[in-house]
Amino acid sequence: MRICFTLKVRTNMLAEYKLRHAAVWPEMLEALRSAGWHNYSLFLAPNGLLVGYLEADNFDAACARIKDHPVNARWQAEMTPFFEQITVGGADDNLMPLEEVFHID
């Protein structure tokens, strides 16, 4: 299953957000892989629009597995302040998958 979601990064924090993602912790990368997040990419627009894409056999199960991983709590604590409109939980609690309306294959 393909998943696409959006979030909004604070425009005054774009440079730091990019720096953090240029050096994602190896244990976080392993946690994502072992939780079932595959082909995961993030795209960032100059206005702060963040578009995420990933593939997972079961998105809900993959989200539950990553939430249970100890490294995720540390990562979310550091990353959540980068986002606008997060009032409850972390960024991973606010992922709203978009509806896929077309796929060429």
PDB file of N, CA and C in Angstrom:
ATOM      1  N   MET A   1       0.836  -1.164   0.000  1.00  0.00           N
ATOM      2  CA  MET A   1       0.000   0.000   0.000  1.00  0.00           C
ATOM      3  C   MET A   1       0.892   1.241   0.000  1.00  0.00           C
ATOM      4  N   ARG A   2       0.525   2.209  -0.826  1.00  0.00           N
ATOM      5  CA  ARG A   2       1.248   3.489  -0.896  1.00  0.00           C
ATOM      6  C   ARG A   2       0.517   4.504  -0.029  1.00  0.00           C
ATOM      7  N   ILE A   3       1.284   5.284   0.731  1.00  0.00           N
ATOM      8  CA  ILE A   3       0.716   6.300   1.610  1.00  0.00           C
ATOM      9  C   ILE A   3       1.400   7.632   1.312  1.00  0.00           C
ATOM     10  N   CYS A   4       0.610   8.682   1.219  1.00  0.00           N
ATOM     11  CA  CYS A   4       1.126  10.038   1.068  1.00  0.00           C
ATOM     12  C   CYS A   4       0.447  10.888   2.134  1.00  0.00           C
ATOM     13  N   PHE A   5       1.224  11.743   2.783  1.00  0.00           N
ATOM     14  CA  PHE A   5       0.669  12.610   3.818  1.00  0.00           C
ATOM     15  C   PHE A   5       1.345  13.976   3.739  1.00  0.00           C
ATOM     16  N   THR A   6       0.720  14.957   4.366  1.00  0.00           N
ATOM     17  CA  THR A   6       1.310  16.292   4.436  1.00  0.00           C
ATOM     18  C   THR A   6       1.363  16.759   5.885  1.00  0.00           C
ATOM     19  N   LEU A   7       2.324  17.604   6.146  1.00  0.00           N
ATOM     20  CA  LEU A   7       2.461  18.341   7.399  1.00  0.00           C
ATOM     21  C   LEU A   7       2.986  19.721   7.022  1.00  0.00           C
ATOM     22  N   LYS A   8       3.062  20.629   7.964  1.00  0.00           N
ATOM     23  CA  LYS A   8       3.561  21.982   7.677  1.00  0.00           C
ATOM     24  C   LYS A   8       4.706  22.295   8.623  1.00  0.00           C
ATOM     25  N   VAL A   9       5.895  22.493   8.052  1.00  0.00           N
ATOM     26  CA  VAL A   9       7.080  22.863   8.815  1.00  0.00           C
ATOM     27  C   VAL A   9       7.096  24.381   8.968  1.00  0.00           C
ATOM     28  N   ARG A  10       7.452  24.843  10.140  1.00  0.00           N
ATOM     29  CA  ARG A  10       7.554  26.290  10.372  1.00  0.00           C
ATOM     30  C   ARG A  10       8.618  26.860   9.428  1.00  0.00           C
ATOM     31  N   THR A  11       8.280  27.912   8.711  1.00  0.00           N
ATOM     32  CA  THR A  11       9.197  28.442   7.692  1.00  0.00           C
ATOM     33  C   THR A  11      10.505  28.950   8.292  1.00  0.00           C
ATOM     34  N   ASN A  12      10.474  29.401   9.539  1.00  0.00           N
ATOM     35  CA  ASN A  12      11.716  29.875  10.153  1.00  0.00           C
ATOM     36  C   ASN A  12      12.610  28.717  10.612  1.00  0.00           C
ATOM     37  N   MET A  13      12.157  27.475  10.430  1.00  0.00           N
ATOM     38  CA  MET A  13      12.923  26.304  10.858  1.00  0.00           C
ATOM     39  C   MET A  13      13.268  25.362   9.700  1.00  0.00           C
ATOM     40  N   LEU A  14      13.046  25.819   8.465  1.00  0.00           N
ATOM     41  CA  LEU A  14      13.278  24.951   7.303  1.00  0.00           C
ATOM     42  C   LEU A  14      14.724  24.476   7.208  1.00  0.00           C
ATOM     43  N   ALA A  15      15.666  25.359   7.361  1.00  0.00           N
ATOM     44  CA  ALA A  15      17.079  24.986   7.212  1.00  0.00           C
ATOM     45  C   ALA A  15      17.478  23.943   8.249  1.00  0.00           C
ATOM     46  N   GLU A  16      17.076  24.156   9.481  1.00  0.00           N
ATOM     47  CA  GLU A  16      17.412  23.197  10.543  1.00  0.00           C
ATOM     48  C   GLU A  16      16.703  21.860  10.314  1.00  0.00           C
ATOM     49  N   TYR A  17      15.462  21.896   9.842  1.00  0.00           N
ATOM     50  CA  TYR A  17      14.730  20.667   9.549  1.00  0.00           C
ATOM     51  C   TYR A  17      15.476  19.839   8.496  1.00  0.00           C
ATOM     52  N   LYS A  18      15.947  20.511   7.467  1.00  0.00           N
ATOM     53  CA  LYS A  18      16.711  19.810   6.417  1.00  0.00           C
ATOM     54  C   LYS A  18      18.008  19.239   6.970  1.00  0.00           C
ATOM     55  N   LEU A  19      18.682  19.990   7.820  1.00  0.00           N
ATOM     56  CA  LEU A  19      19.924  19.490   8.432  1.00  0.00           C
ATOM     57  C   LEU A  19      19.663  18.233   9.262  1.00  0.00           C
ATOM     58  N   ARG A  20      18.599  18.250  10.034  1.00  0.00           N
ATOM     59  CA  ARG A  20      18.280  17.082  10.868  1.00  0.00           C
ATOM     60  C   ARG A  20      18.028  15.845  10.008  1.00  0.00           C
ATOM     61  N   HIS A  21      17.400  16.049   8.857  1.00  0.00           N
ATOM     62  CA  HIS A  21      17.089  14.905   8.003  1.00  0.00           C
ATOM     63  C   HIS A  21      18.251  14.489   7.114  1.00  0.00           C
ATOM     64  N   ALA A  22      19.272  15.306   7.059  1.00  0.00           N
ATOM     65  CA  ALA A  22      20.500  14.891   6.362  1.00  0.00           C
ATOM     66  C   ALA A  22      21.293  13.920   7.232  1.00  0.00           C
ATOM     67  N   ALA A  23      20.936  13.844   8.512  1.00  0.00           N
ATOM     68  CA  ALA A  23      21.669  12.980   9.447  1.00  0.00           C
ATOM     69  C   ALA A  23      20.697  12.288  10.401  1.00  0.00           C
ATOM     70  N   VAL A  24      19.719  11.582   9.838  1.00  0.00           N
ATOM     71  CA  VAL A  24      18.770  10.837  10.677  1.00  0.00           C
ATOM     72  C   VAL A  24      19.548   9.763  11.432  1.00  0.00           C
ATOM     73  N   TRP A  25      19.238   9.631  12.714  1.00  0.00           N
ATOM     74  CA  TRP A  25      19.922   8.649  13.554  1.00  0.00           C
ATOM     75  C   TRP A  25      19.818   7.255  12.944  1.00  0.00           C
ATOM     76  N   PRO A  26      20.917   6.523  12.888  1.00  0.00           N
ATOM     77  CA  PRO A  26      20.876   5.151  12.341  1.00  0.00           C
ATOM     78  C   PRO A  26      19.850   4.267  13.054  1.00  0.00           C
ATOM     79  N   GLU A  27      19.701   4.419  14.369  1.00  0.00           N
ATOM     80  CA  GLU A  27      18.726   3.591  15.086  1.00  0.00           C
ATOM     81  C   GLU A  27      17.295   3.961  14.724  1.00  0.00           C
ATOM     82  N   MET A  28      17.064   5.226  14.316  1.00  0.00           N
ATOM     83  CA  MET A  28      15.730   5.624  13.861  1.00  0.00           C
ATOM     84  C   MET A  28      15.446   5.017  12.493  1.00  0.00           C
ATOM     85  N   LEU A  29      16.436   5.044  11.625  1.00  0.00           N
ATOM     86  CA  LEU A  29      16.274   4.429  10.300  1.00  0.00           C
ATOM     87  C   LEU A  29      15.965   2.937  10.432  1.00  0.00           C
ATOM     88  N   GLU A  30      16.684   2.253  11.303  1.00  0.00           N
ATOM     89  CA  GLU A  30      16.452   0.824  11.516  1.00  0.00           C
ATOM     90  C   GLU A  30      15.068   0.575  12.113  1.00  0.00           C
ATOM     91  N   ALA A  31      14.650   1.432  13.023  1.00  0.00           N
ATOM     92  CA  ALA A  31      13.322   1.285  13.620  1.00  0.00           C
ATOM     93  C   ALA A  31      12.229   1.420  12.562  1.00  0.00           C
ATOM     94  N   LEU A  32      12.369   2.402  11.677  1.00  0.00           N
ATOM     95  CA  LEU A  32      11.382   2.568  10.602  1.00  0.00           C
ATOM     96  C   LEU A  32      11.333   1.339   9.711  1.00  0.00           C
ATOM     97  N   ARG A  33      12.493   0.862   9.321  1.00  0.00           N
ATOM     98  CA  ARG A  33      12.532  -0.330   8.456  1.00  0.00           C
ATOM     99  C   ARG A  33      11.901  -1.529   9.150  1.00  0.00           C
ATOM    100  N   SER A  34      12.288  -1.766  10.393  1.00  0.00           N
ATOM    101  CA  SER A  34      11.777  -2.947  11.091  1.00  0.00           C
ATOM    102  C   SER A  34      10.282  -2.816  11.404  1.00  0.00           C
ATOM    103  N   ALA A  35       9.774  -1.591  11.477  1.00  0.00           N
ATOM    104  CA  ALA A  35       8.341  -1.375  11.712  1.00  0.00           C
ATOM    105  C   ALA A  35       7.512  -1.547  10.438  1.00  0.00           C
ATOM    106  N   GLY A  36       8.179  -1.666   9.288  1.00  0.00           N
ATOM    107  CA  GLY A  36       7.456  -1.882   8.041  1.00  0.00           C
ATOM    108  C   GLY A  36       7.294  -0.658   7.165  1.00  0.00           C
ATOM    109  N   TRP A  37       8.069   0.415   7.448  1.00  0.00           N
ATOM    110  CA  TRP A  37       8.050   1.612   6.604  1.00  0.00           C
ATOM    111  C   TRP A  37       9.083   1.405   5.502  1.00  0.00           C
ATOM    112  N   HIS A  38       8.638   1.358   4.269  1.00  0.00           N
ATOM    113  CA  HIS A  38       9.544   1.127   3.140  1.00  0.00           C
ATOM    114  C   HIS A  38       9.416   2.255   2.122  1.00  0.00           C
ATOM    115  N   ASN A  39      10.506   2.477   1.389  1.00  0.00           N
ATOM    116  CA  ASN A  39      10.502   3.489   0.329  1.00  0.00           C
ATOM    117  C   ASN A  39       9.984   4.828   0.866  1.00  0.00           C
ATOM    118  N   TYR A  40      10.442   5.198   2.049  1.00  0.00           N
ATOM    119  CA  TYR A  40       9.970   6.396   2.749  1.00  0.00           C
ATOM    120  C   TYR A  40      10.760   7.608   2.272  1.00  0.00           C
ATOM    121  N   SER A  41      10.043   8.635   1.837  1.00  0.00           N
ATOM    122  CA  SER A  41      10.655   9.878   1.357  1.00  0.00           C
ATOM    123  C   SER A  41       9.896  11.065   1.916  1.00  0.00           C
ATOM    124  N   LEU A  42      10.620  12.159   2.107  1.00  0.00           N
ATOM    125  CA  LEU A  42      10.017  13.429   2.494  1.00  0.00           C
ATOM    126  C   LEU A  42      10.413  14.482   1.470  1.00  0.00           C
ATOM    127  N   PHE A  43       9.458  15.334   1.097  1.00  0.00           N
ATOM    128  CA  PHE A  43       9.686  16.411   0.143  1.00  0.00           C
ATOM    129  C   PHE A  43       9.245  17.701   0.825  1.00  0.00           C
ATOM    130  N   LEU A  44      10.052  18.748   0.714  1.00  0.00           N
ATOM    131  CA  LEU A  44       9.785  19.991   1.427  1.00  0.00           C
ATOM    132  C   LEU A  44       9.748  21.169   0.459  1.00  0.00           C
ATOM    133  N   ALA A  45       8.655  21.923   0.493  1.00  0.00           N
ATOM    134  CA  ALA A  45       8.502  23.120  -0.336  1.00  0.00           C
ATOM    135  C   ALA A  45       9.014  24.344   0.432  1.00  0.00           C
ATOM    136  N   PRO A  46       9.396  25.405  -0.284  1.00  0.00           N
ATOM    137  CA  PRO A  46       9.886  26.621   0.374  1.00  0.00           C
ATOM    138  C   PRO A  46       8.885  27.251   1.346  1.00  0.00           C
ATOM    139  N   ASN A  47       7.599  26.992   1.164  1.00  0.00           N
ATOM    140  CA  ASN A  47       6.585  27.548   2.073  1.00  0.00           C
ATOM    141  C   ASN A  47       6.351  26.674   3.295  1.00  0.00           C
ATOM    142  N   GLY A  48       7.124  25.580   3.440  1.00  0.00           N
ATOM    143  CA  GLY A  48       7.017  24.706   4.593  1.00  0.00           C
ATOM    144  C   GLY A  48       6.143  23.483   4.393  1.00  0.00           C
ATOM    145  N   LEU A  49       5.478  23.380   3.257  1.00  0.00           N
ATOM    146  CA  LEU A  49       4.658  22.198   3.004  1.00  0.00           C
ATOM    147  C   LEU A  49       5.571  20.977   2.924  1.00  0.00           C
ATOM    148  N   LEU A  50       5.314  20.004   3.771  1.00  0.00           N
ATOM    149  CA  LEU A  50       6.066  18.756   3.784  1.00  0.00           C
ATOM    150  C   LEU A  50       5.161  17.656   3.258  1.00  0.00           C
ATOM    151  N   VAL A  51       5.634  16.952   2.240  1.00  0.00           N
ATOM    152  CA  VAL A  51       4.895  15.839   1.669  1.00  0.00           C
ATOM    153  C   VAL A  51       5.702  14.578   1.951  1.00  0.00           C
ATOM    154  N   GLY A  52       5.068  13.628   2.603  1.00  0.00           N
ATOM    155  CA  GLY A  52       5.711  12.359   2.895  1.00  0.00           C
ATOM    156  C   GLY A  52       5.111  11.255   2.060  1.00  0.00           C
ATOM    157  N   TYR A  53       5.946  10.303   1.686  1.00  0.00           N
ATOM    158  CA  TYR A  53       5.507   9.142   0.911  1.00  0.00           C
ATOM    159  C   TYR A  53       6.164   7.907   1.499  1.00  0.00           C
ATOM    160  N   LEU A  54       5.400   6.858   1.647  1.00  0.00           N
ATOM    161  CA  LEU A  54       5.965   5.587   2.092  1.00  0.00           C
ATOM    162  C   LEU A  54       5.115   4.452   1.570  1.00  0.00           C
ATOM    163  N   GLU A  55       5.685   3.275   1.662  1.00  0.00           N
ATOM    164  CA  GLU A  55       4.958   2.068   1.320  1.00  0.00           C
ATOM    165  C   GLU A  55       4.992   1.160   2.537  1.00  0.00           C
ATOM    166  N   ALA A  56       3.872   0.504   2.805  1.00  0.00           N
ATOM    167  CA  ALA A  56       3.760  -0.413   3.936  1.00  0.00           C
ATOM    168  C   ALA A  56       2.712  -1.466   3.594  1.00  0.00           C
ATOM    169  N   ASP A  57       2.930  -2.669   4.090  1.00  0.00           N
ATOM    170  CA  ASP A  57       1.917  -3.710   3.883  1.00  0.00           C
ATOM    171  C   ASP A  57       0.620  -3.329   4.580  1.00  0.00           C
ATOM    172  N   ASN A  58       0.740  -2.768   5.784  1.00  0.00           N
ATOM    173  CA  ASN A  58      -0.414  -2.346   6.566  1.00  0.00           C
ATOM    174  C   ASN A  58       0.004  -1.066   7.286  1.00  0.00           C
ATOM    175  N   PHE A  59      -0.498   0.070   6.829  1.00  0.00           N
ATOM    176  CA  PHE A  59      -0.069   1.362   7.368  1.00  0.00           C
ATOM    177  C   PHE A  59      -0.385   1.498   8.848  1.00  0.00           C
ATOM    178  N   ASP A  60      -1.580   1.114   9.263  1.00  0.00           N
ATOM    179  CA  ASP A  60      -1.946   1.242  10.678  1.00  0.00           C
ATOM    180  C   ASP A  60      -1.017   0.409  11.560  1.00  0.00           C
ATOM    181  N   ALA A  61      -0.717  -0.805  11.129  1.00  0.00           N
ATOM    182  CA  ALA A  61       0.189  -1.672  11.904  1.00  0.00           C
ATOM    183  C   ALA A  61       1.601  -1.097  11.915  1.00  0.00           C
ATOM    184  N   ALA A  62       2.072  -0.566  10.787  1.00  0.00           N
ATOM    185  CA  ALA A  62       3.413   0.031  10.724  1.00  0.00           C
ATOM    186  C   ALA A  62       3.499   1.249  11.640  1.00  0.00           C
ATOM    187  N   CYS A  63       2.440   2.048  11.690  1.00  0.00           N
ATOM    188  CA  CYS A  63       2.415   3.210  12.593  1.00  0.00           C
ATOM    189  C   CYS A  63       2.427   2.760  14.048  1.00  0.00           C
ATOM    190  N   ALA A  64       1.672   1.738  14.369  1.00  0.00           N
ATOM    191  CA  ALA A  64       1.641   1.236  15.745  1.00  0.00           C
ATOM    192  C   ALA A  64       3.005   0.701  16.162  1.00  0.00           C
ATOM    193  N   ARG A  65       3.670  -0.019  15.256  1.00  0.00           N
ATOM    194  CA  ARG A  65       4.991  -0.570  15.583  1.00  0.00           C
ATOM    195  C   ARG A  65       6.018   0.526  15.805  1.00  0.00           C
ATOM    196  N   ILE A  66       6.014   1.569  14.984  1.00  0.00           N
ATOM    197  CA  ILE A  66       7.011   2.633  15.168  1.00  0.00           C
ATOM    198  C   ILE A  66       6.705   3.417  16.440  1.00  0.00           C
ATOM    199  N   LYS A  67       5.429   3.602  16.773  1.00  0.00           N
ATOM    200  CA  LYS A  67       5.087   4.323  18.007  1.00  0.00           C
ATOM    201  C   LYS A  67       5.562   3.574  19.241  1.00  0.00           C
ATOM    202  N   ASP A  68       5.638   2.269  19.160  1.00  0.00           N
ATOM    203  CA  ASP A  68       6.079   1.455  20.295  1.00  0.00           C
ATOM    204  C   ASP A  68       7.594   1.392  20.430  1.00  0.00           C
ATOM    205  N   HIS A  69       8.314   1.893  19.442  1.00  0.00           N
ATOM    206  CA  HIS A  69       9.777   1.808  19.472  1.00  0.00           C
ATOM    207  C   HIS A  69      10.347   2.960  20.306  1.00  0.00           C
ATOM    208  N   PRO A  70      11.225   2.671  21.271  1.00  0.00           N
ATOM    209  CA  PRO A  70      11.753   3.727  22.154  1.00  0.00           C
ATOM    210  C   PRO A  70      12.449   4.880  21.421  1.00  0.00           C
ATOM    211  N   VAL A  71      13.158   4.595  20.343  1.00  0.00           N
ATOM    212  CA  VAL A  71      13.860   5.677  19.639  1.00  0.00           C
ATOM    213  C   VAL A  71      12.871   6.664  19.024  1.00  0.00           C
ATOM    214  N   ASN A  72      11.683   6.202  18.666  1.00  0.00           N
ATOM    215  CA  ASN A  72      10.698   7.096  18.062  1.00  0.00           C
ATOM    216  C   ASN A  72      10.268   8.190  19.033  1.00  0.00           C
ATOM    217  N   ALA A  73      10.105   7.854  20.290  1.00  0.00           N
ATOM    218  CA  ALA A  73       9.705   8.874  21.275  1.00  0.00           C
ATOM    219  C   ALA A  73      10.757   9.973  21.360  1.00  0.00           C
ATOM    220  N   ARG A  74      12.027   9.594  21.334  1.00  0.00           N
ATOM    221  CA  ARG A  74      13.101  10.596  21.370  1.00  0.00           C
ATOM    222  C   ARG A  74      13.102  11.434  20.098  1.00  0.00           C
ATOM    223  N   TRP A  75      12.940  10.783  18.950  1.00  0.00           N
ATOM    224  CA  TRP A  75      12.926  11.504  17.668  1.00  0.00           C
ATOM    225  C   TRP A  75      11.748  12.476  17.623  1.00  0.00           C
ATOM    226  N   GLN A  76      10.563  12.016  18.003  1.00  0.00           N
ATOM    227  CA  GLN A  76       9.371  12.874  17.973  1.00  0.00           C
ATOM    228  C   GLN A  76       9.534  14.063  18.913  1.00  0.00           C
ATOM    229  N   ALA A  77      10.123  13.852  20.071  1.00  0.00           N
ATOM    230  CA  ALA A  77      10.336  14.955  21.012  1.00  0.00           C
ATOM    231  C   ALA A  77      11.207  16.044  20.395  1.00  0.00           C
ATOM    232  N   GLU A  78      12.178  15.643  19.598  1.00  0.00           N
ATOM    233  CA  GLU A  78      13.048  16.629  18.944  1.00  0.00           C
ATOM    234  C   GLU A  78      12.417  17.247  17.707  1.00  0.00           C
ATOM    235  N   MET A  79      11.588  16.497  16.975  1.00  0.00           N
ATOM    236  CA  MET A  79      11.072  16.971  15.695  1.00  0.00           C
ATOM    237  C   MET A  79       9.745  17.722  15.789  1.00  0.00           C
ATOM    238  N   THR A  80       8.912  17.400  16.750  1.00  0.00           N
ATOM    239  CA  THR A  80       7.579  18.007  16.812  1.00  0.00           C
ATOM    240  C   THR A  80       7.610  19.534  16.852  1.00  0.00           C
ATOM    241  N   PRO A  81       8.554  20.185  17.544  1.00  0.00           N
ATOM    242  CA  PRO A  81       8.565  21.656  17.533  1.00  0.00           C
ATOM    243  C   PRO A  81       8.764  22.285  16.148  1.00  0.00           C
ATOM    244  N   PHE A  82       9.211  21.512  15.175  1.00  0.00           N
ATOM    245  CA  PHE A  82       9.402  22.037  13.823  1.00  0.00           C
ATOM    246  C   PHE A  82       8.076  22.262  13.096  1.00  0.00           C
ATOM    247  N   PHE A  83       7.004  21.685  13.586  1.00  0.00           N
ATOM    248  CA  PHE A  83       5.750  21.681  12.840  1.00  0.00           C
ATOM    249  C   PHE A  83       4.739  22.685  13.362  1.00  0.00           C
ATOM    250  N   GLU A  84       3.981  23.252  12.431  1.00  0.00           N
ATOM    251  CA  GLU A  84       2.840  24.097  12.755  1.00  0.00           C
ATOM    252  C   GLU A  84       1.643  23.193  13.050  1.00  0.00           C
ATOM    253  N   GLN A  85       0.714  23.711  13.802  1.00  0.00           N
ATOM    254  CA  GLN A  85      -0.594  23.088  14.005  1.00  0.00           C
ATOM    255  C   GLN A  85      -0.550  21.719  14.679  1.00  0.00           C
ATOM    256  N   ILE A  86       0.491  21.444  15.456  1.00  0.00           N
ATOM    257  CA  ILE A  86       0.524  20.206  16.245  1.00  0.00           C
ATOM    258  C   ILE A  86       0.186  20.617  17.679  1.00  0.00           C
ATOM    259  N   THR A  87      -0.999  20.270  18.123  1.00  0.00           N
ATOM    260  CA  THR A  87      -1.412  20.655  19.470  1.00  0.00           C
ATOM    261  C   THR A  87      -1.460  19.462  20.414  1.00  0.00           C
ATOM    262  N   VAL A  88      -1.605  18.268  19.883  1.00  0.00           N
ATOM    263  CA  VAL A  88      -1.674  17.053  20.693  1.00  0.00           C
ATOM    264  C   VAL A  88      -0.741  16.014  20.103  1.00  0.00           C
ATOM    265  N   GLY A  89       0.097  15.425  20.953  1.00  0.00           N
ATOM    266  CA  GLY A  89       0.994  14.372  20.497  1.00  0.00           C
ATOM    267  C   GLY A  89       2.131  14.907  19.654  1.00  0.00           C
ATOM    268  N   GLY A  90       2.738  14.000  18.913  1.00  0.00           N
ATOM    269  CA  GLY A  90       3.845  14.348  18.041  1.00  0.00           C
ATOM    270  C   GLY A  90       3.418  14.407  16.592  1.00  0.00           C
ATOM    271  N   ALA A  91       4.383  14.672  15.745  1.00  0.00           N
ATOM    272  CA  ALA A  91       4.084  14.730  14.310  1.00  0.00           C
ATOM    273  C   ALA A  91       3.496  13.412  13.826  1.00  0.00           C
ATOM    274  N   ASP A  92       4.019  12.303  14.351  1.00  0.00           N
ATOM    275  CA  ASP A  92       3.517  11.010  13.892  1.00  0.00           C
ATOM    276  C   ASP A  92       2.073  10.755  14.317  1.00  0.00           C
ATOM    277  N   ASP A  93       1.573  11.479  15.316  1.00  0.00           N
ATOM    278  CA  ASP A  93       0.168  11.368  15.712  1.00  0.00           C
ATOM    279  C   ASP A  93      -0.742  12.191  14.798  1.00  0.00           C
ATOM    280  N   ASN A  94      -0.160  13.023  13.965  1.00  0.00           N
ATOM    281  CA  ASN A  94      -0.926  13.950  13.133  1.00  0.00           C
ATOM    282  C   ASN A  94      -0.821  13.653  11.646  1.00  0.00           C
ATOM    283  N   LEU A  95      -0.329  12.484  11.283  1.00  0.00           N
ATOM    284  CA  LEU A  95      -0.258  12.105   9.876  1.00  0.00           C
ATOM    285  C   LEU A  95      -1.663  11.798   9.372  1.00  0.00           C
ATOM    286  N   MET A  96      -2.067  12.515   8.368  1.00  0.00           N
ATOM    287  CA  MET A  96      -3.375  12.287   7.771  1.00  0.00           C
ATOM    288  C   MET A  96      -3.162  11.848   6.317  1.00  0.00           C
ATOM    289  N   PRO A  97      -3.242  10.551   6.063  1.00  0.00           N
ATOM    290  CA  PRO A  97      -3.012  10.089   4.691  1.00  0.00           C
ATOM    291  C   PRO A  97      -3.977  10.736   3.705  1.00  0.00           C
ATOM    292  N   LEU A  98      -3.432  11.060   2.549  1.00  0.00           N
ATOM    293  CA  LEU A  98      -4.250  11.610   1.469  1.00  0.00           C
ATOM    294  C   LEU A  98      -4.880  10.471   0.683  1.00  0.00           C
ATOM    295  N   GLU A  99      -6.009  10.732   0.098  1.00  0.00           N
ATOM    296  CA  GLU A  99      -6.670   9.742  -0.747  1.00  0.00           C
ATOM    297  C   GLU A  99      -5.966   9.670  -2.100  1.00  0.00           C
ATOM    298  N   GLU A 100      -5.598   8.475  -2.498  1.00  0.00           N
ATOM    299  CA  GLU A 100      -5.000   8.293  -3.821  1.00  0.00           C
ATOM    300  C   GLU A 100      -6.134   8.302  -4.850  1.00  0.00           C
ATOM    301  N   VAL A 101      -6.019   9.196  -5.832  1.00  0.00           N
ATOM    302  CA  VAL A 101      -7.066   9.294  -6.851  1.00  0.00           C
ATOM    303  C   VAL A 101      -6.595   8.836  -8.221  1.00  0.00           C
ATOM    304  N   PHE A 102      -5.286   8.620  -8.371  1.00  0.00           N
ATOM    305  CA  PHE A 102      -4.767   8.118  -9.652  1.00  0.00           C
ATOM    306  C   PHE A 102      -3.413   7.485  -9.427  1.00  0.00           C
ATOM    307  N   HIS A 103      -3.203   6.395 -10.131  1.00  0.00           N
ATOM    308  CA  HIS A 103      -1.897   5.733 -10.180  1.00  0.00           C
ATOM    309  C   HIS A 103      -1.773   5.108 -11.560  1.00  0.00           C
ATOM    310  N   ILE A 104      -0.696   5.379 -12.250  1.00  0.00           N
ATOM    311  CA  ILE A 104      -0.563   4.971 -13.648  1.00  0.00           C
ATOM    312  C   ILE A 104      -0.555   3.460 -13.840  1.00  0.00           C
ATOM    313  N   ASP A 105      -0.078   2.733 -12.850  1.00  0.00           N
ATOM    314  CA  ASP A 105      -0.063   1.271 -12.983  1.00  0.00           C
ATOM    315  C   ASP A 105      -1.354   0.702 -12.467  1.00  0.00           C
TER     316      ASP A 105
END
